[in-house]
């Protein structure tokens, strides 16, 4: 009986909070929020079609892979639009985390393409 309790306690310890994600608000069981990061523009003043790009990093049980950097998200937006640059850039981050076991962090860059 004690052996089973020790194994269960060890399993809970090893599997809890293996993937911690940064967020201004975190849930104990589940976190699923979008957080604004940077914006150099007032959205009500934007004229033109905005394009977006994203970059994602994922993790399971403390093993994390991917690239959620601003640069990768920007390059994705440029690739999608065929533009040389973006103006009026807005950056958002989306955080998902379930019990600290499964995590996902996505950076999204939006802006007006400069051809």
N, C-alpha and C. Protein backbone atom coordinates (compact mmCIF):
# COMPACT_ATOMS: atom_id res chain seq x y z
N UNK A 1 0.82 -1.20 0.00
CA UNK A 1 0.00 0.00 0.00
C UNK A 1 0.87 1.26 0.00
N UNK A 2 1.86 1.30 0.88
CA UNK A 2 2.73 2.47 0.96
C UNK A 2 3.54 2.62 -0.33
N UNK A 3 3.95 1.49 -0.90
CA UNK A 3 4.71 1.52 -2.15
C UNK A 3 3.86 2.16 -3.26
N UNK A 4 2.58 1.79 -3.34
CA UNK A 4 1.69 2.37 -4.35
C UNK A 4 1.47 3.86 -4.13
N UNK A 5 1.34 4.27 -2.88
CA UNK A 5 1.20 5.70 -2.58
C UNK A 5 2.45 6.48 -2.97
N UNK A 6 3.61 5.90 -2.70
CA UNK A 6 4.87 6.55 -3.07
C UNK A 6 4.99 6.68 -4.59
N UNK A 7 4.63 5.63 -5.31
CA UNK A 7 4.69 5.68 -6.77
C UNK A 7 3.70 6.72 -7.31
N UNK A 8 2.49 6.75 -6.75
CA UNK A 8 1.50 7.74 -7.18
C UNK A 8 1.98 9.16 -6.89
N UNK A 9 2.54 9.38 -5.71
CA UNK A 9 3.05 10.71 -5.35
C UNK A 9 4.20 11.12 -6.27
N UNK A 10 5.09 10.19 -6.58
CA UNK A 10 6.20 10.48 -7.49
C UNK A 10 5.68 10.82 -8.88
N UNK A 11 4.68 10.07 -9.36
CA UNK A 11 4.10 10.34 -10.67
C UNK A 11 3.47 11.73 -10.72
N UNK A 12 2.72 12.09 -9.69
CA UNK A 12 2.10 13.42 -9.63
C UNK A 12 3.18 14.50 -9.61
N UNK A 13 4.22 14.30 -8.85
CA UNK A 13 5.31 15.28 -8.77
C UNK A 13 6.00 15.44 -10.13
N UNK A 14 6.30 14.33 -10.78
CA UNK A 14 7.02 14.39 -12.05
C UNK A 14 6.17 14.94 -13.20
N UNK A 15 4.87 14.71 -13.14
CA UNK A 15 4.01 15.13 -14.24
C UNK A 15 3.37 16.49 -14.03
N UNK A 16 3.52 17.09 -12.89
CA UNK A 16 2.89 18.38 -12.64
C UNK A 16 3.81 19.52 -13.05
N UNK A 17 3.24 20.47 -13.75
CA UNK A 17 3.93 21.70 -14.13
C UNK A 17 5.24 21.47 -14.85
N UNK A 18 5.23 20.55 -15.78
CA UNK A 18 6.43 20.30 -16.56
C UNK A 18 6.63 21.37 -17.63
N UNK A 19 5.56 21.92 -18.15
CA UNK A 19 5.61 22.94 -19.20
C UNK A 19 4.97 24.21 -18.67
N UNK A 20 5.76 25.15 -18.25
CA UNK A 20 5.26 26.42 -17.74
C UNK A 20 5.28 27.43 -18.89
N UNK A 21 4.18 28.14 -19.10
CA UNK A 21 4.11 29.17 -20.12
C UNK A 21 3.90 30.53 -19.47
N UNK A 22 4.46 31.55 -20.07
CA UNK A 22 4.36 32.91 -19.55
C UNK A 22 3.00 33.50 -19.93
N UNK A 23 2.31 34.03 -18.97
CA UNK A 23 1.01 34.64 -19.20
C UNK A 23 0.71 35.60 -18.05
N UNK A 24 0.03 36.72 -18.33
CA UNK A 24 -0.30 37.64 -17.24
C UNK A 24 -1.34 37.07 -16.28
N UNK A 25 -2.07 36.06 -16.74
CA UNK A 25 -3.04 35.38 -15.88
C UNK A 25 -2.95 33.89 -16.18
N UNK A 26 -2.88 33.10 -15.12
CA UNK A 26 -2.71 31.66 -15.32
C UNK A 26 -3.77 30.90 -14.54
N UNK A 27 -4.35 29.91 -15.19
CA UNK A 27 -5.29 29.03 -14.52
C UNK A 27 -4.56 27.85 -13.89
N UNK A 28 -5.13 27.27 -12.88
CA UNK A 28 -4.52 26.11 -12.24
C UNK A 28 -4.65 24.89 -13.15
N UNK A 29 -5.81 24.71 -13.77
CA UNK A 29 -6.03 23.54 -14.62
C UNK A 29 -5.74 23.83 -16.09
N UNK A 30 -6.30 24.93 -16.59
CA UNK A 30 -6.16 25.27 -18.01
C UNK A 30 -5.93 26.76 -18.16
N UNK A 31 -5.02 27.11 -19.05
CA UNK A 31 -4.82 28.50 -19.44
C UNK A 31 -4.99 28.56 -20.96
N UNK A 32 -5.80 29.49 -21.46
CA UNK A 32 -6.01 29.67 -22.89
C UNK A 32 -6.33 31.14 -23.12
N UNK A 33 -5.29 31.97 -23.24
CA UNK A 33 -5.48 33.42 -23.33
C UNK A 33 -4.65 34.00 -24.47
N UNK A 34 -5.14 35.11 -25.02
CA UNK A 34 -4.39 35.90 -25.98
C UNK A 34 -4.01 37.20 -25.31
N UNK A 35 -2.74 37.56 -25.44
CA UNK A 35 -2.20 38.71 -24.74
C UNK A 35 -1.57 39.67 -25.75
N UNK A 36 -1.97 40.94 -25.73
CA UNK A 36 -1.30 41.89 -26.61
C UNK A 36 0.10 42.17 -26.08
N UNK A 37 1.02 42.32 -26.99
CA UNK A 37 2.40 42.57 -26.57
C UNK A 37 2.83 43.97 -26.98
N UNK A 38 2.85 44.19 -28.27
CA UNK A 38 3.33 45.47 -28.77
C UNK A 38 2.42 45.97 -29.89
N UNK A 39 2.27 47.25 -29.98
CA UNK A 39 1.57 47.85 -31.11
C UNK A 39 2.10 49.26 -31.29
N UNK A 40 2.48 49.56 -32.52
CA UNK A 40 2.95 50.92 -32.78
C UNK A 40 1.91 51.70 -33.59
N UNK A 41 0.62 51.32 -33.41
CA UNK A 41 -0.43 51.93 -34.21
C UNK A 41 -1.76 51.88 -33.46
N UNK A 42 -2.60 52.85 -33.76
CA UNK A 42 -3.98 52.85 -33.29
C UNK A 42 -4.81 52.14 -34.36
N UNK A 43 -5.44 51.03 -34.00
CA UNK A 43 -6.17 50.22 -34.99
C UNK A 43 -7.25 51.00 -35.72
N UNK A 44 -7.85 51.98 -35.07
CA UNK A 44 -8.92 52.75 -35.73
C UNK A 44 -8.37 53.63 -36.85
N UNK A 45 -7.06 53.86 -36.86
CA UNK A 45 -6.45 54.71 -37.89
C UNK A 45 -5.83 53.91 -39.03
N UNK A 46 -5.86 52.58 -38.95
CA UNK A 46 -5.23 51.75 -39.96
C UNK A 46 -6.07 51.72 -41.22
N UNK A 47 -5.42 52.02 -42.34
CA UNK A 47 -6.07 51.96 -43.64
C UNK A 47 -5.27 51.00 -44.50
N UNK A 48 -5.93 50.02 -45.06
CA UNK A 48 -5.25 49.03 -45.88
C UNK A 48 -5.49 47.64 -45.34
N UNK A 49 -5.19 46.66 -46.18
CA UNK A 49 -5.40 45.26 -45.81
C UNK A 49 -4.23 44.76 -44.98
N UNK A 50 -4.54 44.30 -43.77
CA UNK A 50 -3.49 43.76 -42.91
C UNK A 50 -3.24 42.30 -43.24
N UNK A 51 -1.99 41.89 -43.13
CA UNK A 51 -1.60 40.49 -43.28
C UNK A 51 -1.05 40.02 -41.94
N UNK A 52 -1.04 38.71 -41.75
CA UNK A 52 -0.49 38.21 -40.50
C UNK A 52 0.39 36.99 -40.73
N UNK A 53 1.21 36.73 -39.75
CA UNK A 53 2.06 35.55 -39.74
C UNK A 53 2.19 35.08 -38.31
N UNK A 54 2.50 33.81 -38.14
CA UNK A 54 2.60 33.29 -36.78
C UNK A 54 3.77 32.33 -36.65
N UNK A 55 4.17 32.12 -35.41
CA UNK A 55 5.23 31.19 -35.07
C UNK A 55 4.85 30.53 -33.75
N UNK A 56 5.04 29.21 -33.65
CA UNK A 56 4.56 28.46 -32.49
C UNK A 56 5.63 27.55 -31.91
N UNK A 57 5.64 27.49 -30.60
CA UNK A 57 6.45 26.51 -29.87
C UNK A 57 5.48 25.65 -29.05
N UNK A 58 5.77 24.36 -28.96
CA UNK A 58 4.90 23.44 -28.24
C UNK A 58 5.71 22.62 -27.25
N UNK A 59 5.03 22.11 -26.23
CA UNK A 59 5.70 21.26 -25.26
C UNK A 59 4.77 20.22 -24.69
N UNK A 60 5.33 19.05 -24.42
CA UNK A 60 4.60 17.98 -23.76
C UNK A 60 5.53 17.37 -22.71
N UNK A 61 5.05 17.33 -21.47
CA UNK A 61 5.80 16.72 -20.37
C UNK A 61 7.21 17.28 -20.23
N UNK A 62 7.35 18.57 -20.43
CA UNK A 62 8.64 19.21 -20.23
C UNK A 62 9.57 19.17 -21.43
N UNK A 63 9.19 18.49 -22.50
CA UNK A 63 9.96 18.47 -23.74
C UNK A 63 9.35 19.53 -24.65
N UNK A 64 10.13 20.54 -24.99
CA UNK A 64 9.62 21.69 -25.74
C UNK A 64 10.36 21.82 -27.06
N UNK A 65 9.62 22.14 -28.13
CA UNK A 65 10.22 22.34 -29.44
C UNK A 65 9.47 23.45 -30.17
N UNK A 66 10.12 24.00 -31.20
CA UNK A 66 9.49 25.03 -32.01
C UNK A 66 10.17 26.37 -31.84
N UNK A 67 9.68 27.33 -32.58
CA UNK A 67 10.24 28.68 -32.58
C UNK A 67 9.08 29.67 -32.58
N UNK A 68 8.83 30.30 -31.45
CA UNK A 68 7.73 31.25 -31.33
C UNK A 68 8.25 32.68 -31.33
N UNK A 69 9.36 32.91 -32.02
CA UNK A 69 9.99 34.23 -31.99
C UNK A 69 9.27 35.23 -32.89
N UNK A 70 9.47 36.50 -32.58
CA UNK A 70 8.93 37.60 -33.38
C UNK A 70 9.46 37.50 -34.81
N UNK A 71 10.74 37.24 -34.96
CA UNK A 71 11.37 37.19 -36.27
C UNK A 71 10.74 36.11 -37.16
N UNK A 72 10.49 34.93 -36.60
CA UNK A 72 9.87 33.84 -37.37
C UNK A 72 8.44 34.21 -37.77
N UNK A 73 7.69 34.82 -36.87
CA UNK A 73 6.32 35.25 -37.19
C UNK A 73 6.34 36.33 -38.27
N UNK A 74 7.28 37.26 -38.17
CA UNK A 74 7.41 38.32 -39.18
C UNK A 74 7.75 37.72 -40.54
N UNK A 75 8.69 36.80 -40.58
CA UNK A 75 9.06 36.16 -41.85
C UNK A 75 7.89 35.39 -42.45
N UNK A 76 7.06 34.77 -41.60
CA UNK A 76 5.88 34.07 -42.08
C UNK A 76 4.89 35.05 -42.72
N UNK A 77 4.70 36.20 -42.09
CA UNK A 77 3.79 37.22 -42.65
C UNK A 77 4.32 37.74 -43.99
N UNK A 78 5.62 37.97 -44.07
CA UNK A 78 6.21 38.46 -45.32
C UNK A 78 6.10 37.40 -46.42
N UNK A 79 6.32 36.15 -46.07
CA UNK A 79 6.22 35.06 -47.04
C UNK A 79 4.79 34.93 -47.56
N UNK A 80 3.81 35.02 -46.65
CA UNK A 80 2.41 34.90 -47.06
C UNK A 80 1.97 36.04 -47.97
N UNK A 81 2.48 37.24 -47.72
CA UNK A 81 2.02 38.42 -48.46
C UNK A 81 2.89 38.74 -49.66
N UNK A 82 4.10 38.22 -49.69
CA UNK A 82 5.03 38.56 -50.76
C UNK A 82 5.60 39.96 -50.61
N UNK A 83 5.46 40.55 -49.44
CA UNK A 83 5.93 41.92 -49.19
C UNK A 83 7.40 41.92 -48.76
N UNK A 84 8.01 43.11 -48.86
CA UNK A 84 9.39 43.28 -48.41
C UNK A 84 9.45 43.71 -46.95
N UNK A 85 8.33 44.23 -46.44
CA UNK A 85 8.28 44.68 -45.06
C UNK A 85 6.85 44.92 -44.63
N UNK A 86 6.68 45.26 -43.36
CA UNK A 86 5.37 45.58 -42.82
C UNK A 86 5.43 46.92 -42.11
N UNK A 87 4.30 47.64 -42.13
CA UNK A 87 4.19 48.85 -41.33
C UNK A 87 2.96 48.71 -40.43
N UNK A 88 2.86 49.56 -39.44
CA UNK A 88 1.77 49.49 -38.47
C UNK A 88 1.69 48.10 -37.84
N UNK A 89 2.79 47.63 -37.31
CA UNK A 89 2.91 46.27 -36.79
C UNK A 89 2.25 46.12 -35.43
N UNK A 90 1.52 45.01 -35.28
CA UNK A 90 0.89 44.63 -34.02
C UNK A 90 1.35 43.21 -33.69
N UNK A 91 1.75 42.98 -32.45
CA UNK A 91 2.20 41.66 -32.02
C UNK A 91 1.32 41.17 -30.88
N UNK A 92 0.80 39.95 -31.02
CA UNK A 92 0.01 39.31 -29.97
C UNK A 92 0.64 37.96 -29.64
N UNK A 93 0.37 37.49 -28.43
CA UNK A 93 0.84 36.17 -28.00
C UNK A 93 -0.36 35.38 -27.51
N UNK A 94 -0.44 34.12 -27.91
CA UNK A 94 -1.51 33.23 -27.45
C UNK A 94 -0.87 32.11 -26.65
N UNK A 95 -1.38 31.91 -25.44
CA UNK A 95 -0.83 30.91 -24.52
C UNK A 95 -1.89 29.86 -24.22
N UNK A 96 -1.52 28.59 -24.39
CA UNK A 96 -2.38 27.47 -23.98
C UNK A 96 -1.55 26.57 -23.09
N UNK A 97 -2.16 26.12 -21.99
CA UNK A 97 -1.49 25.20 -21.09
C UNK A 97 -2.54 24.36 -20.39
N UNK A 98 -2.37 23.05 -20.41
CA UNK A 98 -3.30 22.14 -19.74
C UNK A 98 -2.52 21.36 -18.68
N UNK A 99 -2.81 21.66 -17.42
CA UNK A 99 -2.22 20.97 -16.28
C UNK A 99 -0.69 21.01 -16.25
N UNK A 100 -0.09 21.91 -16.99
CA UNK A 100 1.37 21.95 -17.05
C UNK A 100 1.95 20.79 -17.81
N UNK A 101 1.11 20.00 -18.45
CA UNK A 101 1.57 18.82 -19.18
C UNK A 101 1.71 19.13 -20.67
N UNK A 102 0.72 19.81 -21.23
CA UNK A 102 0.72 20.19 -22.64
C UNK A 102 0.69 21.71 -22.72
N UNK A 103 1.60 22.28 -23.50
CA UNK A 103 1.66 23.74 -23.61
C UNK A 103 1.88 24.15 -25.06
N UNK A 104 1.38 25.34 -25.39
CA UNK A 104 1.58 25.91 -26.71
C UNK A 104 1.69 27.42 -26.57
N UNK A 105 2.66 28.02 -27.23
CA UNK A 105 2.88 29.46 -27.18
C UNK A 105 3.02 29.95 -28.62
N UNK A 106 2.12 30.84 -29.05
CA UNK A 106 2.12 31.34 -30.42
C UNK A 106 2.29 32.85 -30.45
N UNK A 107 3.20 33.32 -31.28
CA UNK A 107 3.39 34.74 -31.53
C UNK A 107 2.78 35.06 -32.88
N UNK A 108 1.92 36.08 -32.92
CA UNK A 108 1.30 36.50 -34.17
C UNK A 108 1.70 37.95 -34.46
N UNK A 109 2.14 38.19 -35.68
CA UNK A 109 2.52 39.52 -36.14
C UNK A 109 1.55 39.93 -37.24
N UNK A 110 0.95 41.13 -37.10
CA UNK A 110 0.06 41.66 -38.12
C UNK A 110 0.56 43.03 -38.54
N UNK A 111 0.33 43.36 -39.80
CA UNK A 111 0.72 44.67 -40.29
C UNK A 111 0.29 44.86 -41.72
N UNK A 112 0.48 46.07 -42.22
CA UNK A 112 0.17 46.40 -43.60
C UNK A 112 1.41 46.16 -44.44
N UNK A 113 1.30 45.35 -45.51
CA UNK A 113 2.47 45.01 -46.31
C UNK A 113 3.04 46.20 -47.07
N UNK A 114 4.36 46.24 -47.15
CA UNK A 114 5.08 47.22 -47.96
C UNK A 114 5.67 46.44 -49.13
N UNK A 115 5.22 46.73 -50.31
CA UNK A 115 5.69 45.98 -51.51
C UNK A 115 6.98 46.52 -52.05
